[in-house]
């Protein structure tokens, strides 16, 4: 796993999360730790394929100028695969700065994931619920987009609703 770099006092806790993972999800503004982590993970960051056996380190940018929201698109794909997801622990994500980490935790909970130990999330509900909750959440936030690894400055293409939601909506 990559050696993370930076001067943040929280680098050690992030390195510990990174050491447990085989893939990474995150994006951030150019000066953020999340952006540096994405670069360090290279082709294993924000990738197109996730499997149930994957352990995915998620990083989300905190409350700063030019903040970039969490990469919900890739989180959705990892959730649909049933991957184990690693986030900040409740103690770390509840610091006032960590709004991105709280957004990720809320998204995971709405999508049928549960925190089985501090900062470790696994699916708890049937996939049908997961797909529908994610489609509803993403559609409401206009964030339903395709997962294609590309240059970080490009926007992803549109992704269809899951098959169950397509049938339910007659599309």
N, C-alpha and C. Protein backbone atom coordinates (compact mmCIF):
# COMPACT_ATOMS: atom_id res chain seq x y z
N UNK A 1 0.82 -1.17 0.00
CA UNK A 1 0.00 0.00 0.00
C UNK A 1 0.88 1.25 0.00
N UNK A 2 0.36 2.34 -0.52
CA UNK A 2 1.20 3.53 -0.66
C UNK A 2 1.54 4.20 0.67
N UNK A 3 2.67 4.86 0.65
CA UNK A 3 3.06 5.70 1.78
C UNK A 3 2.44 7.07 1.56
N UNK A 4 1.55 7.50 2.45
CA UNK A 4 0.90 8.79 2.32
C UNK A 4 1.87 9.88 2.77
N UNK A 5 1.72 11.07 2.18
CA UNK A 5 2.60 12.18 2.53
C UNK A 5 1.78 13.38 2.96
N UNK A 6 2.43 14.29 3.65
CA UNK A 6 1.79 15.52 4.07
C UNK A 6 2.26 15.94 5.44
N UNK A 7 1.70 17.05 5.91
CA UNK A 7 2.10 17.60 7.21
C UNK A 7 0.96 17.60 8.21
N UNK A 8 -0.16 17.02 7.86
CA UNK A 8 -1.33 17.01 8.74
C UNK A 8 -1.03 16.25 10.03
N UNK A 9 -1.53 16.75 11.15
CA UNK A 9 -1.37 16.00 12.40
C UNK A 9 -2.18 14.70 12.39
N UNK A 10 -3.03 14.52 11.39
CA UNK A 10 -3.88 13.33 11.29
C UNK A 10 -3.35 12.33 10.27
N UNK A 11 -2.14 12.55 9.76
CA UNK A 11 -1.56 11.67 8.75
C UNK A 11 -1.44 10.23 9.26
N UNK A 12 -1.05 10.03 10.51
CA UNK A 12 -0.86 8.68 11.04
C UNK A 12 -2.17 7.89 11.05
N UNK A 13 -3.28 8.52 11.43
CA UNK A 13 -4.56 7.80 11.44
C UNK A 13 -4.99 7.48 10.01
N UNK A 14 -4.70 8.37 9.07
CA UNK A 14 -5.03 8.11 7.67
C UNK A 14 -4.14 7.01 7.10
N UNK A 15 -2.87 6.99 7.46
CA UNK A 15 -1.97 5.93 7.00
C UNK A 15 -2.44 4.58 7.54
N UNK A 16 -2.92 4.55 8.77
CA UNK A 16 -3.43 3.28 9.33
C UNK A 16 -4.63 2.78 8.54
N UNK A 17 -5.53 3.69 8.13
CA UNK A 17 -6.67 3.29 7.29
C UNK A 17 -6.17 2.80 5.94
N UNK A 18 -5.23 3.51 5.36
CA UNK A 18 -4.68 3.15 4.06
C UNK A 18 -4.01 1.77 4.10
N UNK A 19 -3.32 1.48 5.18
CA UNK A 19 -2.60 0.21 5.31
C UNK A 19 -3.55 -0.99 5.34
N UNK A 20 -4.79 -0.78 5.72
CA UNK A 20 -5.77 -1.87 5.79
C UNK A 20 -6.46 -2.11 4.45
N UNK A 21 -6.32 -1.19 3.51
CA UNK A 21 -7.12 -1.20 2.29
C UNK A 21 -6.35 -1.72 1.07
N UNK A 22 -7.13 -2.10 0.04
CA UNK A 22 -6.51 -2.44 -1.24
C UNK A 22 -6.98 -1.48 -2.35
N UNK A 23 -7.91 -0.57 -2.03
CA UNK A 23 -8.36 0.45 -2.97
C UNK A 23 -8.69 1.72 -2.20
N UNK A 24 -8.81 2.83 -2.95
CA UNK A 24 -9.04 4.14 -2.34
C UNK A 24 -10.13 4.88 -3.11
N UNK A 25 -10.99 5.59 -2.36
CA UNK A 25 -11.96 6.51 -2.97
C UNK A 25 -11.79 7.86 -2.31
N UNK A 26 -11.63 8.89 -3.13
CA UNK A 26 -11.55 10.24 -2.61
C UNK A 26 -11.09 11.21 -3.67
N UNK A 27 -11.50 12.44 -3.49
CA UNK A 27 -11.03 13.55 -4.32
C UNK A 27 -11.05 14.77 -3.43
N UNK A 28 -10.27 15.72 -3.75
CA UNK A 28 -10.24 16.93 -2.93
C UNK A 28 -9.61 18.06 -3.70
N UNK A 29 -9.71 19.25 -3.15
CA UNK A 29 -9.07 20.41 -3.78
C UNK A 29 -7.56 20.19 -3.78
N UNK A 30 -6.87 20.90 -4.63
CA UNK A 30 -5.45 20.62 -4.88
C UNK A 30 -4.56 20.69 -3.65
N UNK A 31 -4.95 21.45 -2.62
CA UNK A 31 -4.12 21.56 -1.42
C UNK A 31 -4.51 20.57 -0.32
N UNK A 32 -5.50 19.73 -0.56
CA UNK A 32 -6.02 18.86 0.49
C UNK A 32 -5.24 17.56 0.64
N UNK A 33 -5.32 16.98 1.82
CA UNK A 33 -4.74 15.66 2.07
C UNK A 33 -5.42 14.63 1.18
N UNK A 34 -6.74 14.73 1.03
CA UNK A 34 -7.47 13.77 0.20
C UNK A 34 -6.92 13.75 -1.22
N UNK A 35 -6.62 14.91 -1.77
CA UNK A 35 -6.04 14.97 -3.12
C UNK A 35 -4.67 14.29 -3.16
N UNK A 36 -3.83 14.52 -2.16
CA UNK A 36 -2.52 13.86 -2.10
C UNK A 36 -2.68 12.35 -1.99
N UNK A 37 -3.65 11.89 -1.20
CA UNK A 37 -3.87 10.45 -1.05
C UNK A 37 -4.32 9.84 -2.38
N UNK A 38 -5.19 10.54 -3.10
CA UNK A 38 -5.65 10.06 -4.40
C UNK A 38 -4.44 9.87 -5.33
N UNK A 39 -3.55 10.83 -5.34
CA UNK A 39 -2.36 10.74 -6.19
C UNK A 39 -1.48 9.56 -5.75
N UNK A 40 -1.31 9.38 -4.44
CA UNK A 40 -0.47 8.30 -3.93
C UNK A 40 -1.03 6.92 -4.31
N UNK A 41 -2.35 6.79 -4.34
CA UNK A 41 -2.98 5.51 -4.66
C UNK A 41 -2.97 5.22 -6.16
N UNK A 42 -2.73 6.20 -7.00
CA UNK A 42 -2.60 5.99 -8.44
C UNK A 42 -3.80 5.28 -9.05
N UNK A 43 -3.53 4.20 -9.77
CA UNK A 43 -4.59 3.48 -10.49
C UNK A 43 -5.53 2.72 -9.57
N UNK A 44 -5.22 2.63 -8.29
CA UNK A 44 -6.11 1.98 -7.32
C UNK A 44 -7.04 2.99 -6.64
N UNK A 45 -7.00 4.24 -7.11
CA UNK A 45 -7.88 5.29 -6.60
C UNK A 45 -9.04 5.48 -7.57
N UNK A 46 -10.26 5.57 -7.01
CA UNK A 46 -11.45 5.89 -7.80
C UNK A 46 -11.53 5.00 -9.04
N UNK A 47 -11.37 3.71 -8.84
CA UNK A 47 -11.36 2.79 -9.97
C UNK A 47 -12.78 2.35 -10.33
N UNK A 48 -12.89 1.72 -11.45
CA UNK A 48 -14.20 1.36 -11.98
C UNK A 48 -14.74 0.07 -11.39
N UNK A 49 -13.87 -0.82 -10.91
CA UNK A 49 -14.33 -2.11 -10.42
C UNK A 49 -14.07 -2.28 -8.93
N UNK A 50 -15.12 -2.73 -8.25
CA UNK A 50 -15.02 -3.08 -6.85
C UNK A 50 -15.65 -4.46 -6.68
N UNK A 51 -15.14 -5.20 -5.71
CA UNK A 51 -15.63 -6.54 -5.44
C UNK A 51 -15.95 -6.66 -3.96
N UNK A 52 -16.73 -7.67 -3.62
CA UNK A 52 -17.11 -7.92 -2.23
C UNK A 52 -15.87 -8.11 -1.35
N UNK A 53 -14.80 -8.62 -1.91
CA UNK A 53 -13.57 -8.87 -1.15
C UNK A 53 -12.71 -7.63 -0.96
N UNK A 54 -13.03 -6.53 -1.63
CA UNK A 54 -12.23 -5.31 -1.51
C UNK A 54 -12.43 -4.63 -0.16
N UNK A 55 -11.37 -4.00 0.30
CA UNK A 55 -11.41 -3.13 1.47
C UNK A 55 -10.98 -1.76 0.96
N UNK A 56 -11.91 -0.81 1.04
CA UNK A 56 -11.73 0.48 0.38
C UNK A 56 -11.60 1.60 1.41
N UNK A 57 -10.49 2.29 1.37
CA UNK A 57 -10.23 3.46 2.21
C UNK A 57 -10.91 4.66 1.55
N UNK A 58 -11.80 5.32 2.29
CA UNK A 58 -12.48 6.52 1.79
C UNK A 58 -11.96 7.73 2.55
N UNK A 59 -11.61 8.77 1.79
CA UNK A 59 -11.20 10.03 2.39
C UNK A 59 -12.09 11.13 1.82
N UNK A 60 -12.51 12.04 2.69
CA UNK A 60 -13.37 13.15 2.27
C UNK A 60 -12.80 14.45 2.83
N UNK A 61 -12.82 15.45 1.99
CA UNK A 61 -12.26 16.74 2.36
C UNK A 61 -13.09 17.43 3.44
N UNK A 62 -12.39 18.12 4.32
CA UNK A 62 -13.05 18.84 5.40
C UNK A 62 -13.48 20.24 4.98
N UNK A 63 -13.88 21.02 5.97
CA UNK A 63 -14.42 22.36 5.76
C UNK A 63 -13.29 23.34 5.46
N UNK A 64 -13.09 23.62 4.17
CA UNK A 64 -12.05 24.54 3.73
C UNK A 64 -12.54 25.29 2.50
N UNK A 65 -11.86 26.36 2.15
CA UNK A 65 -12.17 27.08 0.92
C UNK A 65 -11.94 26.16 -0.27
N UNK A 66 -12.76 26.29 -1.29
CA UNK A 66 -12.66 25.49 -2.51
C UNK A 66 -12.82 24.00 -2.25
N UNK A 67 -13.55 23.65 -1.20
CA UNK A 67 -13.79 22.26 -0.83
C UNK A 67 -14.47 21.50 -1.96
N UNK A 68 -14.06 20.24 -2.15
CA UNK A 68 -14.67 19.34 -3.13
C UNK A 68 -15.46 18.30 -2.35
N UNK A 69 -16.70 18.05 -2.76
CA UNK A 69 -17.54 17.09 -2.05
C UNK A 69 -17.03 15.67 -2.21
N UNK A 70 -17.42 14.75 -1.32
CA UNK A 70 -16.98 13.35 -1.44
C UNK A 70 -17.37 12.76 -2.79
N UNK A 71 -16.65 11.74 -3.19
CA UNK A 71 -16.86 11.08 -4.49
C UNK A 71 -17.95 10.02 -4.35
N UNK A 72 -19.19 10.46 -4.21
CA UNK A 72 -20.32 9.56 -3.98
C UNK A 72 -20.50 8.54 -5.11
N UNK A 73 -20.15 8.89 -6.31
CA UNK A 73 -20.29 7.98 -7.44
C UNK A 73 -19.52 6.69 -7.21
N UNK A 74 -18.26 6.82 -6.86
CA UNK A 74 -17.43 5.65 -6.65
C UNK A 74 -17.82 4.92 -5.37
N UNK A 75 -18.23 5.67 -4.36
CA UNK A 75 -18.71 5.03 -3.13
C UNK A 75 -19.92 4.17 -3.45
N UNK A 76 -20.82 4.67 -4.29
CA UNK A 76 -22.01 3.91 -4.68
C UNK A 76 -21.62 2.60 -5.35
N UNK A 77 -20.69 2.63 -6.27
CA UNK A 77 -20.30 1.41 -6.98
C UNK A 77 -19.66 0.42 -6.01
N UNK A 78 -18.83 0.89 -5.09
CA UNK A 78 -18.22 0.01 -4.09
C UNK A 78 -19.30 -0.61 -3.19
N UNK A 79 -20.31 0.17 -2.84
CA UNK A 79 -21.41 -0.34 -2.02
C UNK A 79 -22.21 -1.39 -2.77
N UNK A 80 -22.48 -1.14 -4.03
CA UNK A 80 -23.24 -2.11 -4.82
C UNK A 80 -22.50 -3.44 -4.93
N UNK A 81 -21.17 -3.40 -4.86
CA UNK A 81 -20.37 -4.62 -4.91
C UNK A 81 -20.32 -5.32 -3.54
N UNK A 82 -20.70 -4.60 -2.48
CA UNK A 82 -20.65 -5.17 -1.14
C UNK A 82 -19.28 -5.09 -0.49
N UNK A 83 -18.43 -4.18 -0.96
CA UNK A 83 -17.07 -4.03 -0.41
C UNK A 83 -17.13 -3.53 1.03
N UNK A 84 -16.08 -3.83 1.79
CA UNK A 84 -15.90 -3.26 3.12
C UNK A 84 -15.30 -1.87 2.94
N UNK A 85 -15.84 -0.89 3.66
CA UNK A 85 -15.42 0.50 3.50
C UNK A 85 -14.81 1.02 4.80
N UNK A 86 -13.69 1.71 4.68
CA UNK A 86 -12.96 2.23 5.84
C UNK A 86 -13.05 3.76 5.81
N UNK A 87 -13.59 4.34 6.88
CA UNK A 87 -13.73 5.79 7.02
C UNK A 87 -13.10 6.23 8.33
N UNK A 88 -13.21 7.50 8.62
CA UNK A 88 -12.82 7.98 9.94
C UNK A 88 -13.71 7.34 10.99
N UNK A 89 -13.16 7.17 12.19
CA UNK A 89 -13.95 6.70 13.32
C UNK A 89 -14.91 7.81 13.75
N UNK A 90 -15.95 7.48 14.51
CA UNK A 90 -16.86 8.53 14.97
C UNK A 90 -16.15 9.68 15.69
N UNK A 91 -15.16 9.39 16.51
CA UNK A 91 -14.45 10.45 17.24
C UNK A 91 -13.77 11.42 16.27
N UNK A 92 -13.18 10.89 15.20
CA UNK A 92 -12.51 11.77 14.23
C UNK A 92 -13.51 12.48 13.33
N UNK A 93 -14.53 11.79 12.85
CA UNK A 93 -15.46 12.45 11.91
C UNK A 93 -16.35 13.48 12.60
N UNK A 94 -16.48 13.40 13.91
CA UNK A 94 -17.33 14.36 14.62
C UNK A 94 -16.61 15.65 15.01
N UNK A 95 -15.32 15.76 14.67
CA UNK A 95 -14.64 17.04 14.85
C UNK A 95 -15.29 18.03 13.89
N UNK A 96 -15.46 19.27 14.27
CA UNK A 96 -16.21 20.25 13.49
C UNK A 96 -15.71 20.39 12.06
N UNK A 97 -14.43 20.22 11.82
CA UNK A 97 -13.84 20.38 10.49
C UNK A 97 -14.30 19.31 9.51
N UNK A 98 -14.59 18.11 10.00
CA UNK A 98 -14.76 16.94 9.14
C UNK A 98 -16.17 16.78 8.55
N UNK A 99 -16.66 17.79 7.88
CA UNK A 99 -18.01 17.69 7.31
C UNK A 99 -18.08 16.65 6.20
N UNK A 100 -17.03 16.48 5.42
CA UNK A 100 -17.03 15.47 4.36
C UNK A 100 -17.14 14.06 4.92
N UNK A 101 -16.45 13.79 6.00
CA UNK A 101 -16.52 12.46 6.63
C UNK A 101 -17.93 12.19 7.17
N UNK A 102 -18.57 13.22 7.70
CA UNK A 102 -19.96 13.04 8.18
C UNK A 102 -20.91 12.80 7.01
N UNK A 103 -20.68 13.48 5.89
CA UNK A 103 -21.51 13.26 4.70
C UNK A 103 -21.36 11.82 4.21
N UNK A 104 -20.14 11.30 4.23
CA UNK A 104 -19.90 9.93 3.79
C UNK A 104 -20.62 8.95 4.72
N UNK A 105 -20.50 9.14 6.02
CA UNK A 105 -21.15 8.24 6.97
C UNK A 105 -22.67 8.24 6.79
N UNK A 106 -23.24 9.41 6.57
CA UNK A 106 -24.69 9.51 6.35
C UNK A 106 -25.08 8.78 5.07
N UNK A 107 -24.30 8.94 4.02
CA UNK A 107 -24.56 8.28 2.75
C UNK A 107 -24.49 6.76 2.90
N UNK A 108 -23.49 6.28 3.63
CA UNK A 108 -23.35 4.83 3.84
C UNK A 108 -24.54 4.29 4.62
N UNK A 109 -24.94 4.99 5.67
CA UNK A 109 -26.09 4.53 6.47
C UNK A 109 -27.37 4.52 5.65
N UNK A 110 -27.59 5.55 4.85
CA UNK A 110 -28.78 5.58 4.00
C UNK A 110 -28.76 4.48 2.95
N UNK A 111 -27.57 4.07 2.55
CA UNK A 111 -27.41 3.06 1.51
C UNK A 111 -27.41 1.64 2.02
N UNK A 112 -27.74 1.43 3.28
CA UNK A 112 -27.83 0.07 3.80
C UNK A 112 -26.54 -0.48 4.38
N UNK A 113 -25.59 0.39 4.70
CA UNK A 113 -24.37 -0.05 5.34
C UNK A 113 -24.45 0.25 6.83
N UNK A 114 -23.72 -0.55 7.61
CA UNK A 114 -23.66 -0.30 9.05
C UNK A 114 -22.20 -0.29 9.49
N UNK A 115 -21.95 0.49 10.51
CA UNK A 115 -20.59 0.60 11.05
C UNK A 115 -20.41 -0.56 12.03
N UNK A 116 -19.68 -1.60 11.60
CA UNK A 116 -19.54 -2.82 12.39
C UNK A 116 -18.47 -2.69 13.46
N UNK A 117 -17.56 -1.77 13.28
CA UNK A 117 -16.58 -1.37 14.29
C UNK A 117 -16.21 0.06 13.93
N UNK A 118 -15.61 0.81 14.83
CA UNK A 118 -15.35 2.22 14.54
C UNK A 118 -14.60 2.43 13.22
N UNK A 119 -15.30 3.07 12.25
CA UNK A 119 -14.70 3.37 10.97
C UNK A 119 -14.74 2.25 9.94
N UNK A 120 -15.30 1.11 10.28
CA UNK A 120 -15.40 -0.02 9.34
C UNK A 120 -16.87 -0.28 9.04
N UNK A 121 -17.23 -0.22 7.76
CA UNK A 121 -18.61 -0.32 7.31
C UNK A 121 -18.79 -1.54 6.41
N UNK A 122 -19.89 -2.25 6.64
CA UNK A 122 -20.25 -3.41 5.81
C UNK A 122 -21.74 -3.34 5.49
N UNK A 123 -22.16 -4.00 4.39
CA UNK A 123 -23.59 -3.97 4.04
C UNK A 123 -24.42 -4.67 5.09
N UNK A 124 -25.60 -4.10 5.37
CA UNK A 124 -26.49 -4.72 6.35
C UNK A 124 -27.83 -5.10 5.75
N UNK A 125 -28.22 -4.49 4.65
CA UNK A 125 -29.53 -4.72 4.05
C UNK A 125 -29.39 -5.40 2.70
N UNK A 126 -30.47 -5.99 2.21
CA UNK A 126 -30.42 -6.63 0.89
C UNK A 126 -30.04 -5.63 -0.20
N UNK A 127 -29.38 -6.14 -1.24
CA UNK A 127 -28.92 -5.28 -2.32
C UNK A 127 -30.05 -4.48 -2.96
N UNK A 128 -31.24 -5.03 -3.05
CA UNK A 128 -32.35 -4.31 -3.66
C UNK A 128 -32.59 -2.99 -2.93
N UNK A 129 -32.56 -3.03 -1.61
CA UNK A 129 -32.72 -1.82 -0.82
C UNK A 129 -31.56 -0.86 -1.08
N UNK A 130 -30.36 -1.41 -1.12
CA UNK A 130 -29.17 -0.59 -1.36
C UNK A 130 -29.30 0.17 -2.67
N UNK A 131 -29.65 -0.54 -3.73
CA UNK A 131 -29.76 0.12 -5.03
C UNK A 131 -30.80 1.23 -4.98
N UNK A 132 -31.97 0.92 -4.47
CA UNK A 132 -33.06 1.91 -4.48
C UNK A 132 -32.72 3.11 -3.59
N UNK A 133 -32.19 2.89 -2.43
CA UNK A 133 -31.83 4.01 -1.57
C UNK A 133 -30.76 4.87 -2.22
N UNK A 134 -29.76 4.24 -2.83
CA UNK A 134 -28.71 5.01 -3.47
C UNK A 134 -29.25 5.77 -4.67
N UNK A 135 -30.08 5.10 -5.48
CA UNK A 135 -30.65 5.80 -6.64
C UNK A 135 -31.48 6.99 -6.18
N UNK A 136 -32.28 6.80 -5.13
CA UNK A 136 -33.10 7.90 -4.62
C UNK A 136 -32.23 9.03 -4.10
N UNK A 137 -31.22 8.71 -3.32
CA UNK A 137 -30.35 9.72 -2.75
C UNK A 137 -29.59 10.46 -3.83
N UNK A 138 -29.00 9.71 -4.75
CA UNK A 138 -28.18 10.35 -5.80
C UNK A 138 -29.04 11.15 -6.76
N UNK A 139 -30.19 10.62 -7.11
CA UNK A 139 -31.07 11.35 -8.03
C UNK A 139 -31.51 12.66 -7.39
N UNK A 140 -31.85 12.62 -6.11
CA UNK A 140 -32.28 13.83 -5.40
C UNK A 140 -31.17 14.88 -5.36
N UNK A 141 -29.92 14.42 -5.32
CA UNK A 141 -28.79 15.34 -5.24
C UNK A 141 -28.14 15.60 -6.60
N UNK A 142 -28.77 15.10 -7.68
CA UNK A 142 -28.22 15.25 -9.03
C UNK A 142 -26.79 14.75 -9.12
N UNK A 143 -26.51 13.61 -8.47
CA UNK A 143 -25.15 13.09 -8.46
C UNK A 143 -25.06 11.70 -9.06
N UNK A 144 -26.07 11.24 -9.78
CA UNK A 144 -26.04 9.91 -10.36
C UNK A 144 -25.18 9.95 -11.61
N UNK A 145 -23.94 9.52 -11.49
CA UNK A 145 -22.99 9.62 -12.59
C UNK A 145 -22.21 8.33 -12.77
N UNK A 146 -21.63 8.14 -13.92
CA UNK A 146 -20.91 6.91 -14.23
C UNK A 146 -19.55 6.86 -13.56
N UNK A 147 -19.08 5.65 -13.36
CA UNK A 147 -17.80 5.43 -12.71
C UNK A 147 -16.77 5.04 -13.75
N UNK A 148 -16.13 6.01 -14.33
CA UNK A 148 -15.11 5.77 -15.32
C UNK A 148 -13.86 6.50 -14.85
N UNK A 149 -12.76 5.76 -14.64
CA UNK A 149 -11.54 6.40 -14.18
C UNK A 149 -11.00 7.29 -15.29
N UNK A 150 -10.79 8.52 -14.98
CA UNK A 150 -10.35 9.49 -15.98
C UNK A 150 -9.61 10.60 -15.28
N UNK A 151 -9.18 11.56 -16.02
CA UNK A 151 -8.51 12.73 -15.47
C UNK A 151 -9.39 13.36 -14.40
N UNK A 152 -8.80 13.74 -13.27
CA UNK A 152 -9.59 14.26 -12.16
C UNK A 152 -10.33 15.55 -12.46
N UNK A 153 -9.94 16.24 -13.52
CA UNK A 153 -10.61 17.50 -13.86
C UNK A 153 -11.83 17.31 -14.75
N UNK A 154 -12.03 16.10 -15.26
CA UNK A 154 -13.18 15.83 -16.11
C UNK A 154 -14.36 15.39 -15.25
N UNK A 155 -15.55 15.67 -15.73
CA UNK A 155 -16.75 15.21 -15.05
C UNK A 155 -17.18 13.87 -15.65
N UNK A 156 -17.65 12.92 -14.81
CA UNK A 156 -18.11 11.64 -15.32
C UNK A 156 -19.38 11.77 -16.16
N UNK A 157 -19.65 10.72 -16.94
CA UNK A 157 -20.86 10.65 -17.74
C UNK A 157 -22.03 10.23 -16.87
N UNK A 158 -23.25 10.30 -17.43
CA UNK A 158 -24.45 9.92 -16.70
C UNK A 158 -24.56 8.41 -16.57
N UNK A 159 -25.04 7.95 -15.43
CA UNK A 159 -25.26 6.53 -15.17
C UNK A 159 -26.74 6.29 -14.98
N UNK A 160 -27.25 5.20 -15.51
CA UNK A 160 -28.67 4.87 -15.36
C UNK A 160 -28.97 4.44 -13.93
N UNK A 161 -30.26 4.46 -13.60
CA UNK A 161 -30.72 3.92 -12.32
C UNK A 161 -30.47 2.42 -12.30
N UNK A 162 -30.45 1.83 -11.13
CA UNK A 162 -30.28 0.38 -11.02
C UNK A 162 -31.48 -0.32 -11.68
N UNK A 163 -31.34 -1.59 -12.06
CA UNK A 163 -32.43 -2.29 -12.75
C UNK A 163 -33.75 -2.29 -11.97
N UNK A 164 -33.69 -2.43 -10.66
CA UNK A 164 -34.92 -2.45 -9.87
C UNK A 164 -35.65 -1.10 -9.95
N UNK A 165 -34.89 -0.01 -9.84
CA UNK A 165 -35.51 1.31 -9.91
C UNK A 165 -36.02 1.61 -11.31
N UNK A 166 -35.32 1.13 -12.34
CA UNK A 166 -35.81 1.30 -13.70
C UNK A 166 -37.18 0.65 -13.85
N UNK A 167 -37.33 -0.59 -13.36
CA UNK A 167 -38.60 -1.31 -13.45
C UNK A 167 -39.68 -0.58 -12.66
N UNK A 168 -39.32 -0.14 -11.47
CA UNK A 168 -40.28 0.54 -10.59
C UNK A 168 -40.75 1.86 -11.20
N UNK A 169 -39.85 2.55 -11.90
CA UNK A 169 -40.18 3.84 -12.50
C UNK A 169 -40.64 3.72 -13.94
N UNK A 170 -40.70 2.49 -14.45
CA UNK A 170 -41.16 2.27 -15.82
C UNK A 170 -40.23 2.82 -16.87
N UNK A 171 -38.94 2.89 -16.56
CA UNK A 171 -37.96 3.43 -17.52
C UNK A 171 -37.09 2.33 -18.07
